[in-house]
Amino acid sequence: MDTALTLKMEYDSNQIYNFKEAKEYLDRSNVFRLLLVDFDRSVLNLLWRLTELSEIPFSSTRPIVKQWLQELVQMTYTPDGFSITGKSDYILACYNGMIASLLIRLQWPNHREIETGIDWIMKYQNVARNQECIWAGTAIKKYGGCMKATPCYIGLVKSVIALSDYKRSIYYSPNKAMEDKLDYGLEYILSHELFKRKSNGKPITSDILTIAYPFSWKTNIMEILRLLKDNKLLSDTRCAAAKEYLAEKKRKDGCWYIQPAYISKNKAWVPFDKIKEPALWTGYLIKSLL
């Protein structure tokens, strides 16, 4: 087992509290070592690498991680929210939510940028059907109609995750409007039993049932269940089908195995688990959700 996974387990169980205790685990981790290797730092490559790093406790203490996070902010921040082109007209709900979450999880020191991303969600992300889209940016209407009568499910999930992360962070001050929007978003997700179309019960996206971790922009059932767990909703009966699906994917040897995912083709992506081998990182997360 990689020592970064051991660190994550012990951190989650409140056995490790600070970087001094975590340092030895990070120093001996092969996964963490590979994550710190330099790469072609485009916006998306930075997003994927930092997304992975955000899953490892205390990774943000490394100077190179802080530098990469600063580069991502410089490339994507606009006065309206986060955009992968650095232009407000190109803000997309999924990427704005993902970058806002990253800054929260990796403890970005400037509250203003985080709050800008959250404000965009508060003003423009619809969390119900048949609501008017009041965001004027053209990209959000171009790519599959992110804010049509039925809002893009991926963008909605990533936005709700950002609100959830924000509420549980050091940056948060009590805000009823934000908590209400978070609750509405969670209810919308639960109303779909997390992954089902209301029209026919089939999966909402082609990737939503993929067993893959860490998570890309293509949200999956594990990421959504973790969101519900963070908000103490795993016991809701509408989570049952999702949990049953994951339980059924456990093989006879008692392990889970990852499925090839789109993001694994990216050169900046460092696999946590290997294909065709017991997926220890993935299995640990799934066990925590069941």
C-alpha atoms as a PDB file:
ATOM      1  CA  MET A   1       0.000   0.000   0.000  1.00  0.00           C
ATOM      2  CA  ASP A   2       1.330   3.449  -0.910  1.00  0.00           C
ATOM      3  CA  THR A   3       2.151   5.529   2.161  1.00  0.00           C
ATOM      4  CA  ALA A   4       0.046   8.456   0.882  1.00  0.00           C
ATOM      5  CA  LEU A   5      -2.992   6.184   1.133  1.00  0.00           C
ATOM      6  CA  THR A   6      -1.945   5.166   4.636  1.00  0.00           C
ATOM      7  CA  LEU A   7      -1.699   8.865   5.460  1.00  0.00           C
ATOM      8  CA  LYS A   8      -5.180   9.486   4.064  1.00  0.00           C
ATOM      9  CA  MET A   9      -6.636   6.663   6.126  1.00  0.00           C
ATOM     10  CA  GLU A  10      -4.996   7.827   9.334  1.00  0.00           C
ATOM     11  CA  TYR A  11      -5.901  11.457   8.672  1.00  0.00           C
ATOM     12  CA  ASP A  12      -9.536  10.517   8.053  1.00  0.00           C
ATOM     13  CA  SER A  13      -9.617   8.566  11.322  1.00  0.00           C
ATOM     14  CA  ASN A  14      -8.105  11.514  13.255  1.00  0.00           C
ATOM     15  CA  GLN A  15      -4.834   9.727  13.979  1.00  0.00           C
ATOM     16  CA  ILE A  16      -2.755  12.363  12.181  1.00  0.00           C
ATOM     17  CA  TYR A  17      -3.377  16.044  12.746  1.00  0.00           C
ATOM     18  CA  ASN A  18      -0.472  18.045  11.308  1.00  0.00           C
ATOM     19  CA  PHE A  19       2.191  18.200   8.638  1.00  0.00           C
ATOM     20  CA  LYS A  20       4.975  17.197  11.034  1.00  0.00           C
ATOM     21  CA  GLU A  21       3.248  13.863  11.561  1.00  0.00           C
ATOM     22  CA  ALA A  22       2.390  13.522   7.855  1.00  0.00           C
ATOM     23  CA  LYS A  23       5.791  14.397   6.385  1.00  0.00           C
ATOM     24  CA  GLU A  24       7.284  10.921   6.649  1.00  0.00           C
ATOM     25  CA  TYR A  25       4.322   9.411   4.807  1.00  0.00           C
ATOM     26  CA  LEU A  26       4.578  11.980   2.012  1.00  0.00           C
ATOM     27  CA  ASP A  27       8.341  11.556   1.698  1.00  0.00           C
ATOM     28  CA  ARG A  28       8.028   7.778   1.251  1.00  0.00           C
ATOM     29  CA  SER A  29       5.045   7.858  -1.125  1.00  0.00           C
ATOM     30  CA  ASN A  30       5.668   6.815  -4.714  1.00  0.00           C
ATOM     31  CA  VAL A  31       2.333   8.294  -5.825  1.00  0.00           C
ATOM     32  CA  PHE A  32       3.134  11.652  -4.212  1.00  0.00           C
ATOM     33  CA  ARG A  33       6.627  11.634  -5.730  1.00  0.00           C
ATOM     34  CA  LEU A  34       5.180  11.130  -9.212  1.00  0.00           C
ATOM     35  CA  LEU A  35       2.614  13.882  -8.624  1.00  0.00           C
ATOM     36  CA  LEU A  36       5.437  16.347  -7.924  1.00  0.00           C
ATOM     37  CA  VAL A  37       7.242  15.620 -11.211  1.00  0.00           C
ATOM     38  CA  ASP A  38       7.046  18.619 -13.561  1.00  0.00           C
ATOM     39  CA  PHE A  39       4.756  18.509 -16.607  1.00  0.00           C
ATOM     40  CA  ASP A  40       3.419  20.635 -19.457  1.00  0.00           C
ATOM     41  CA  ARG A  41       1.510  23.180 -17.396  1.00  0.00           C
ATOM     42  CA  SER A  42      -1.503  24.022 -19.534  1.00  0.00           C
ATOM     43  CA  VAL A  43      -4.713  25.024 -17.779  1.00  0.00           C
ATOM     44  CA  LEU A  44      -6.292  21.584 -18.019  1.00  0.00           C
ATOM     45  CA  ASN A  45      -3.081  19.774 -17.105  1.00  0.00           C
ATOM     46  CA  LEU A  46      -2.753  21.952 -14.013  1.00  0.00           C
ATOM     47  CA  LEU A  47      -6.386  21.282 -13.147  1.00  0.00           C
ATOM     48  CA  TRP A  48      -5.987  17.511 -13.385  1.00  0.00           C
ATOM     49  CA  ARG A  49      -2.703  17.346 -11.469  1.00  0.00           C
ATOM     50  CA  LEU A  50      -3.949  19.629  -8.698  1.00  0.00           C
ATOM     51  CA  THR A  51      -7.219  17.692  -8.507  1.00  0.00           C
ATOM     52  CA  GLU A  52      -5.188  14.601  -7.698  1.00  0.00           C
ATOM     53  CA  LEU A  53      -2.984  16.412  -5.199  1.00  0.00           C
ATOM     54  CA  SER A  54      -6.071  17.730  -3.408  1.00  0.00           C
ATOM     55  CA  GLU A  55      -6.938  14.132  -2.475  1.00  0.00           C
ATOM     56  CA  ILE A  56      -3.750  13.760  -0.413  1.00  0.00           C
ATOM     57  CA  PRO A  57      -3.687  15.427   3.026  1.00  0.00           C
ATOM     58  CA  PHE A  58      -1.072  18.164   3.497  1.00  0.00           C
ATOM     59  CA  SER A  59       0.005  18.131  -0.172  1.00  0.00           C
ATOM     60  CA  SER A  60      -0.559  21.899  -0.295  1.00  0.00           C
ATOM     61  CA  THR A  61       2.361  22.412   2.082  1.00  0.00           C
ATOM     62  CA  ARG A  62       4.839  21.721  -0.737  1.00  0.00           C
ATOM     63  CA  PRO A  63       6.097  24.926  -2.429  1.00  0.00           C
ATOM     64  CA  ILE A  64       5.735  23.458  -5.921  1.00  0.00           C
ATOM     65  CA  VAL A  65       2.056  22.707  -5.290  1.00  0.00           C
ATOM     66  CA  LYS A  66       1.509  26.300  -4.149  1.00  0.00           C
ATOM     67  CA  GLN A  67       3.270  27.506  -7.293  1.00  0.00           C
ATOM     68  CA  TRP A  68       1.114  25.357  -9.578  1.00  0.00           C
ATOM     69  CA  LEU A  69      -2.027  26.521  -7.832  1.00  0.00           C
ATOM     70  CA  GLN A  70      -0.968  30.146  -8.298  1.00  0.00           C
ATOM     71  CA  GLU A  71      -0.371  29.473 -12.010  1.00  0.00           C
ATOM     72  CA  LEU A  72      -3.851  27.958 -12.340  1.00  0.00           C
ATOM     73  CA  VAL A  73      -5.437  30.999 -10.684  1.00  0.00           C
ATOM     74  CA  GLN A  74      -3.484  33.376 -12.906  1.00  0.00           C
ATOM     75  CA  MET A  75      -4.639  31.500 -16.012  1.00  0.00           C
ATOM     76  CA  THR A  76      -8.300  31.055 -15.076  1.00  0.00           C
ATOM     77  CA  TYR A  77      -9.458  33.804 -12.711  1.00  0.00           C
ATOM     78  CA  THR A  78     -11.791  36.505 -14.034  1.00  0.00           C
ATOM     79  CA  PRO A  79     -13.829  39.108 -12.124  1.00  0.00           C
ATOM     80  CA  ASP A  80     -16.900  36.906 -12.722  1.00  0.00           C
ATOM     81  CA  GLY A  81     -15.586  33.429 -11.971  1.00  0.00           C
ATOM     82  CA  PHE A  82     -13.126  30.839 -13.264  1.00  0.00           C
ATOM     83  CA  SER A  83     -12.702  30.161 -16.973  1.00  0.00           C
ATOM     84  CA  ILE A  84     -10.291  27.754 -18.674  1.00  0.00           C
ATOM     85  CA  THR A  85      -9.544  30.458 -21.262  1.00  0.00           C
ATOM     86  CA  GLY A  86      -9.151  33.259 -18.717  1.00  0.00           C
ATOM     87  CA  LYS A  87     -12.098  35.105 -20.277  1.00  0.00           C
ATOM     88  CA  SER A  88     -15.438  35.623 -18.559  1.00  0.00           C
ATOM     89  CA  ASP A  89     -17.357  34.809 -21.719  1.00  0.00           C
ATOM     90  CA  TYR A  90     -16.029  31.246 -21.483  1.00  0.00           C
ATOM     91  CA  ILE A  91     -17.056  30.420 -17.917  1.00  0.00           C
ATOM     92  CA  LEU A  92     -18.526  26.904 -17.714  1.00  0.00           C
ATOM     93  CA  ALA A  93     -20.311  25.661 -14.607  1.00  0.00           C
ATOM     94  CA  CYS A  94     -18.279  22.453 -14.303  1.00  0.00           C
ATOM     95  CA  TYR A  95     -14.843  24.090 -14.454  1.00  0.00           C
ATOM     96  CA  ASN A  96     -15.812  27.063 -12.309  1.00  0.00           C
ATOM     97  CA  GLY A  97     -17.038  24.682  -9.625  1.00  0.00           C
ATOM     98  CA  MET A  98     -14.001  22.412  -9.884  1.00  0.00           C
ATOM     99  CA  ILE A  99     -11.490  25.257  -9.613  1.00  0.00           C
ATOM    100  CA  ALA A 100     -13.331  26.871  -6.706  1.00  0.00           C
ATOM    101  CA  SER A 101     -13.267  23.510  -4.904  1.00  0.00           C
ATOM    102  CA  LEU A 102      -9.572  23.082  -5.626  1.00  0.00           C
ATOM    103  CA  LEU A 103      -8.717  26.432  -4.093  1.00  0.00           C
ATOM    104  CA  ILE A 104     -10.710  25.556  -0.996  1.00  0.00           C
ATOM    105  CA  ARG A 105      -9.194  22.087  -0.571  1.00  0.00           C
ATOM    106  CA  LEU A 106      -5.635  23.267  -1.205  1.00  0.00           C
ATOM    107  CA  GLN A 107      -6.125  26.272   1.115  1.00  0.00           C
ATOM    108  CA  TRP A 108      -5.565  29.093  -1.336  1.00  0.00           C
ATOM    109  CA  PRO A 109      -4.783  32.158   0.821  1.00  0.00           C
ATOM    110  CA  ASN A 110      -6.824  34.744  -1.089  1.00  0.00           C
ATOM    111  CA  HIS A 111     -10.479  34.543  -0.070  1.00  0.00           C
ATOM    112  CA  ARG A 112     -11.567  36.956  -2.795  1.00  0.00           C
ATOM    113  CA  GLU A 113     -10.913  34.583  -5.686  1.00  0.00           C
ATOM    114  CA  ILE A 114     -12.715  31.733  -3.962  1.00  0.00           C
ATOM    115  CA  GLU A 115     -15.694  33.927  -3.175  1.00  0.00           C
ATOM    116  CA  THR A 116     -15.853  35.077  -6.802  1.00  0.00           C
ATOM    117  CA  GLY A 117     -16.261  31.465  -7.949  1.00  0.00           C
ATOM    118  CA  ILE A 118     -18.884  30.819  -5.273  1.00  0.00           C
ATOM    119  CA  ASP A 119     -20.714  34.043  -6.161  1.00  0.00           C
ATOM    120  CA  TRP A 120     -20.991  32.901  -9.785  1.00  0.00           C
ATOM    121  CA  ILE A 121     -22.671  29.713  -8.604  1.00  0.00           C
ATOM    122  CA  MET A 122     -25.004  31.652  -6.337  1.00  0.00           C
ATOM    123  CA  LYS A 123     -26.048  34.047  -9.095  1.00  0.00           C
ATOM    124  CA  TYR A 124     -26.161  31.830 -12.145  1.00  0.00           C
ATOM    125  CA  GLN A 125     -26.175  28.078 -11.428  1.00  0.00           C
ATOM    126  CA  ASN A 126     -29.685  26.705 -11.709  1.00  0.00           C
ATOM    127  CA  VAL A 127     -30.508  23.852  -9.330  1.00  0.00           C
ATOM    128  CA  ALA A 128     -33.994  23.130 -10.627  1.00  0.00           C
ATOM    129  CA  ARG A 129     -35.640  22.611 -13.988  1.00  0.00           C
ATOM    130  CA  ASN A 130     -37.353  25.253 -16.079  1.00  0.00           C
ATOM    131  CA  GLN A 131     -35.439  28.191 -14.634  1.00  0.00           C
ATOM    132  CA  GLU A 132     -34.249  31.044 -16.807  1.00  0.00           C
ATOM    133  CA  CYS A 133     -30.530  31.217 -17.488  1.00  0.00           C
ATOM    134  CA  ILE A 134     -29.457  34.786 -16.721  1.00  0.00           C
ATOM    135  CA  TRP A 135     -25.745  34.302 -17.443  1.00  0.00           C
ATOM    136  CA  ALA A 136     -24.837  36.048 -20.704  1.00  0.00           C
ATOM    137  CA  GLY A 137     -21.623  34.138 -21.497  1.00  0.00           C
ATOM    138  CA  THR A 138     -21.765  32.367 -24.835  1.00  0.00           C
ATOM    139  CA  ALA A 139     -19.735  29.233 -23.995  1.00  0.00           C
ATOM    140  CA  ILE A 140     -22.266  27.960 -21.456  1.00  0.00           C
ATOM    141  CA  LYS A 141     -24.901  27.943 -24.208  1.00  0.00           C
ATOM    142  CA  LYS A 142     -22.572  26.388 -26.769  1.00  0.00           C
ATOM    143  CA  TYR A 143     -21.481  23.172 -25.083  1.00  0.00           C
ATOM    144  CA  GLY A 144     -24.608  21.080 -24.841  1.00  0.00           C
ATOM    145  CA  GLY A 145     -26.703  23.912 -23.499  1.00  0.00           C
ATOM    146  CA  CYS A 146     -25.427  23.892 -19.921  1.00  0.00           C
ATOM    147  CA  MET A 147     -28.348  25.957 -18.694  1.00  0.00           C
ATOM    148  CA  LYS A 148     -31.316  24.881 -20.752  1.00  0.00           C
ATOM    149  CA  ALA A 149     -34.646  23.938 -19.159  1.00  0.00           C
ATOM    150  CA  THR A 150     -32.823  20.958 -17.667  1.00  0.00           C
ATOM    151  CA  PRO A 151     -29.452  22.149 -16.352  1.00  0.00           C
ATOM    152  CA  CYS A 152     -26.338  20.145 -17.255  1.00  0.00           C
ATOM    153  CA  TYR A 153     -26.065  17.531 -14.521  1.00  0.00           C
ATOM    154  CA  ILE A 154     -22.255  17.577 -14.439  1.00  0.00           C
ATOM    155  CA  GLY A 155     -22.154  21.360 -14.021  1.00  0.00           C
ATOM    156  CA  LEU A 156     -24.808  21.201 -11.318  1.00  0.00           C
ATOM    157  CA  VAL A 157     -22.979  18.470  -9.376  1.00  0.00           C
ATOM    158  CA  LYS A 158     -19.611  20.253  -9.563  1.00  0.00           C
ATOM    159  CA  SER A 159     -21.252  23.509  -8.444  1.00  0.00           C
ATOM    160  CA  VAL A 160     -23.002  21.841  -5.515  1.00  0.00           C
ATOM    161  CA  ILE A 161     -19.716  20.196  -4.492  1.00  0.00           C
ATOM    162  CA  ALA A 162     -18.083  23.645  -4.486  1.00  0.00           C
ATOM    163  CA  LEU A 163     -20.843  25.022  -2.247  1.00  0.00           C
ATOM    164  CA  SER A 164     -20.480  22.029   0.061  1.00  0.00           C
ATOM    165  CA  ASP A 165     -16.698  22.412   0.247  1.00  0.00           C
ATOM    166  CA  TYR A 166     -17.080  26.111   0.909  1.00  0.00           C
ATOM    167  CA  LYS A 167     -19.574  25.593   3.716  1.00  0.00           C
ATOM    168  CA  ARG A 168     -17.196  23.199   5.473  1.00  0.00           C
ATOM    169  CA  SER A 169     -14.115  25.374   4.965  1.00  0.00           C
ATOM    170  CA  ILE A 170     -12.226  27.987   6.976  1.00  0.00           C
ATOM    171  CA  TYR A 171     -13.410  30.626   4.495  1.00  0.00           C
ATOM    172  CA  TYR A 172     -17.101  30.291   5.327  1.00  0.00           C
ATOM    173  CA  SER A 173     -19.288  32.652   7.314  1.00  0.00           C
ATOM    174  CA  PRO A 174     -22.932  31.627   7.917  1.00  0.00           C
ATOM    175  CA  ASN A 175     -25.015  32.498   4.872  1.00  0.00           C
ATOM    176  CA  LYS A 176     -28.637  31.318   4.700  1.00  0.00           C
ATOM    177  CA  ALA A 177     -29.002  31.982   0.974  1.00  0.00           C
ATOM    178  CA  MET A 178     -25.973  29.819   0.211  1.00  0.00           C
ATOM    179  CA  GLU A 179     -27.117  27.047   2.528  1.00  0.00           C
ATOM    180  CA  ASP A 180     -30.550  27.094   0.920  1.00  0.00           C
ATOM    181  CA  LYS A 181     -29.024  26.803  -2.554  1.00  0.00           C
ATOM    182  CA  LEU A 182     -26.833  23.934  -1.373  1.00  0.00           C
ATOM    183  CA  ASP A 183     -29.892  22.174   0.055  1.00  0.00           C
ATOM    184  CA  TYR A 184     -31.862  22.688  -3.177  1.00  0.00           C
ATOM    185  CA  GLY A 185     -28.957  21.298  -5.185  1.00  0.00           C
ATOM    186  CA  LEU A 186     -28.634  18.250  -2.943  1.00  0.00           C
ATOM    187  CA  GLU A 187     -32.371  17.635  -3.194  1.00  0.00           C
ATOM    188  CA  TYR A 188     -32.182  17.848  -6.996  1.00  0.00           C
ATOM    189  CA  ILE A 189     -29.416  15.224  -7.004  1.00  0.00           C
ATOM    190  CA  LEU A 190     -31.344  12.974  -4.609  1.00  0.00           C
ATOM    191  CA  SER A 191     -34.477  13.314  -6.728  1.00  0.00           C
ATOM    192  CA  HIS A 192     -32.518  11.554  -9.498  1.00  0.00           C
ATOM    193  CA  GLU A 193     -31.346   8.821  -7.116  1.00  0.00           C
ATOM    194  CA  LEU A 194     -27.930  10.351  -7.868  1.00  0.00           C
ATOM    195  CA  PHE A 195     -27.457   8.896 -11.352  1.00  0.00           C
ATOM    196  CA  LYS A 196     -30.819   8.207 -13.043  1.00  0.00           C
ATOM    197  CA  ARG A 197     -32.743  10.078 -15.701  1.00  0.00           C
ATOM    198  CA  LYS A 198     -36.261  10.846 -14.525  1.00  0.00           C
ATOM    199  CA  SER A 199     -37.689   9.993 -17.934  1.00  0.00           C
ATOM    200  CA  ASN A 200     -36.525   6.392 -18.164  1.00  0.00           C
ATOM    201  CA  GLY A 201     -34.284   5.570 -15.183  1.00  0.00           C
ATOM    202  CA  LYS A 202     -31.193   5.133 -17.362  1.00  0.00           C
ATOM    203  CA  PRO A 203     -27.817   6.669 -16.379  1.00  0.00           C
ATOM    204  CA  ILE A 204     -27.757  10.450 -16.852  1.00  0.00           C
ATOM    205  CA  THR A 205     -24.345  10.390 -18.565  1.00  0.00           C
ATOM    206  CA  SER A 206     -22.311   7.652 -20.227  1.00  0.00           C
ATOM    207  CA  ASP A 207     -19.585   7.893 -17.560  1.00  0.00           C
ATOM    208  CA  ILE A 208     -21.574   8.322 -14.368  1.00  0.00           C
ATOM    209  CA  LEU A 209     -21.320   4.638 -13.396  1.00  0.00           C
ATOM    210  CA  THR A 210     -17.605   4.383 -14.161  1.00  0.00           C
ATOM    211  CA  ILE A 211     -15.487   3.174 -11.251  1.00  0.00           C
ATOM    212  CA  ALA A 212     -12.636   5.681 -11.381  1.00  0.00           C
ATOM    213  CA  TYR A 213     -10.767   7.737  -8.796  1.00  0.00           C
ATOM    214  CA  PRO A 214      -9.604  10.496  -8.432  1.00  0.00           C
ATOM    215  CA  PHE A 215     -12.369  12.328 -10.280  1.00  0.00           C
ATOM    216  CA  SER A 216     -12.214  14.167 -13.587  1.00  0.00           C
ATOM    217  CA  TRP A 217     -14.747  16.655 -14.944  1.00  0.00           C
ATOM    218  CA  LYS A 218     -16.876  13.617 -15.783  1.00  0.00           C
ATOM    219  CA  THR A 219     -18.510  13.205 -12.408  1.00  0.00           C
ATOM    220  CA  ASN A 220     -19.262   9.658 -11.315  1.00  0.00           C
ATOM    221  CA  ILE A 221     -21.340   7.841  -8.757  1.00  0.00           C
ATOM    222  CA  MET A 222     -18.508   7.719  -6.198  1.00  0.00           C
ATOM    223  CA  GLU A 223     -17.981  11.475  -6.268  1.00  0.00           C
ATOM    224  CA  ILE A 224     -21.708  12.084  -5.892  1.00  0.00           C
ATOM    225  CA  LEU A 225     -21.995   9.669  -2.963  1.00  0.00           C
ATOM    226  CA  ARG A 226     -19.059  11.404  -1.285  1.00  0.00           C
ATOM    227  CA  LEU A 227     -20.887  14.708  -1.664  1.00  0.00           C
ATOM    228  CA  LEU A 228     -23.939  13.191   0.035  1.00  0.00           C
ATOM    229  CA  LYS A 229     -21.755  11.739   2.792  1.00  0.00           C
ATOM    230  CA  ASP A 230     -20.175  15.165   3.405  1.00  0.00           C
ATOM    231  CA  ASN A 231     -23.682  16.496   3.982  1.00  0.00           C
ATOM    232  CA  LYS A 232     -24.809  13.590   6.192  1.00  0.00           C
ATOM    233  CA  LEU A 233     -27.300  12.293   3.638  1.00  0.00           C
ATOM    234  CA  LEU A 234     -25.965   8.804   2.926  1.00  0.00           C
ATOM    235  CA  SER A 235     -28.828   7.290   4.908  1.00  0.00           C
ATOM    236  CA  ASP A 236     -31.400   8.852   2.575  1.00  0.00           C
ATOM    237  CA  THR A 237     -33.235   5.996   0.857  1.00  0.00           C
ATOM    238  CA  ARG A 238     -32.608   7.636  -2.524  1.00  0.00           C
ATOM    239  CA  CYS A 239     -28.912   6.757  -2.164  1.00  0.00           C
ATOM    240  CA  ALA A 240     -29.733   3.052  -1.986  1.00  0.00           C
ATOM    241  CA  ALA A 241     -29.515   2.254  -5.703  1.00  0.00           C
ATOM    242  CA  ALA A 242     -26.122   3.942  -6.008  1.00  0.00           C
ATOM    243  CA  LYS A 243     -24.736   2.099  -2.987  1.00  0.00           C
ATOM    244  CA  GLU A 244     -26.124  -1.202  -4.251  1.00  0.00           C
ATOM    245  CA  TYR A 245     -24.434  -0.635  -7.607  1.00  0.00           C
ATOM    246  CA  LEU A 246     -21.039  -0.106  -5.954  1.00  0.00           C
ATOM    247  CA  ALA A 247     -21.512  -3.103  -3.656  1.00  0.00           C
ATOM    248  CA  GLU A 248     -22.262  -5.300  -6.664  1.00  0.00           C
ATOM    249  CA  LYS A 249     -18.987  -4.233  -8.313  1.00  0.00           C
ATOM    250  CA  LYS A 250     -16.925  -5.864  -5.566  1.00  0.00           C
ATOM    251  CA  ARG A 251     -15.330  -9.010  -6.943  1.00  0.00           C
ATOM    252  CA  LYS A 252     -14.986 -12.416  -5.321  1.00  0.00           C
ATOM    253  CA  ASP A 253     -11.595 -11.491  -3.901  1.00  0.00           C
ATOM    254  CA  GLY A 254     -13.286  -8.706  -1.909  1.00  0.00           C
ATOM    255  CA  CYS A 255     -11.696  -5.919  -3.978  1.00  0.00           C
ATOM    256  CA  TRP A 256     -12.785  -3.320  -6.476  1.00  0.00           C
ATOM    257  CA  TYR A 257     -11.047  -2.684  -9.787  1.00  0.00           C
ATOM    258  CA  ILE A 258     -10.954   0.609 -11.666  1.00  0.00           C
ATOM    259  CA  GLN A 259     -12.315   0.930 -15.164  1.00  0.00           C
ATOM    260  CA  PRO A 260     -10.318   2.765 -17.857  1.00  0.00           C
ATOM    261  CA  ALA A 261     -11.377   6.404 -17.731  1.00  0.00           C
ATOM    262  CA  TYR A 262     -11.025   9.272 -20.169  1.00  0.00           C
ATOM    263  CA  ILE A 263      -8.744  11.266 -17.896  1.00  0.00           C
ATOM    264  CA  SER A 264      -6.153   8.474 -17.718  1.00  0.00           C
ATOM    265  CA  LYS A 265      -5.129   9.305 -21.298  1.00  0.00           C
ATOM    266  CA  ASN A 266      -3.857  12.707 -20.189  1.00  0.00           C
ATOM    267  CA  LYS A 267      -0.070  12.807 -19.744  1.00  0.00           C
ATOM    268  CA  ALA A 268      -0.380  14.961 -16.608  1.00  0.00           C
ATOM    269  CA  TRP A 269      -2.530  12.323 -14.908  1.00  0.00           C
ATOM    270  CA  VAL A 270      -0.850   9.997 -12.413  1.00  0.00           C
ATOM    271  CA  PRO A 271      -2.884   6.823 -11.769  1.00  0.00           C
ATOM    272  CA  PHE A 272      -3.500   6.075  -8.090  1.00  0.00           C
ATOM    273  CA  ASP A 273      -4.628   2.518  -8.848  1.00  0.00           C
ATOM    274  CA  LYS A 274      -3.497   0.203 -11.629  1.00  0.00           C
ATOM    275  CA  ILE A 275      -5.861  -1.406 -14.109  1.00  0.00           C
ATOM    276  CA  LYS A 276      -6.382  -5.144 -13.558  1.00  0.00           C
ATOM    277  CA  GLU A 277      -5.055  -4.944  -9.996  1.00  0.00           C
ATOM    278  CA  PRO A 278      -6.987  -4.496  -6.729  1.00  0.00           C
ATOM    279  CA  ALA A 279      -7.778  -0.775  -6.531  1.00  0.00           C
ATOM    280  CA  LEU A 280      -6.753   0.087  -2.976  1.00  0.00           C
ATOM    281  CA  TRP A 281      -7.424   3.842  -3.182  1.00  0.00           C
ATOM    282  CA  THR A 282     -10.757   3.309  -4.900  1.00  0.00           C
ATOM    283  CA  GLY A 283     -11.706   0.471  -2.587  1.00  0.00           C
ATOM    284  CA  TYR A 284     -10.970   2.547   0.496  1.00  0.00           C
ATOM    285  CA  LEU A 285     -13.281   5.298  -0.739  1.00  0.00           C
ATOM    286  CA  ILE A 286     -16.047   2.879  -1.694  1.00  0.00           C
ATOM    287  CA  LYS A 287     -15.918   1.173   1.718  1.00  0.00           C
ATOM    288  CA  SER A 288     -16.313   4.566   3.378  1.00  0.00           C
ATOM    289  CA  LEU A 289     -19.440   5.180   1.287  1.00  0.00           C
ATOM    290  CA  LEU A 290     -21.086   1.836   2.011  1.00  0.00           C
END
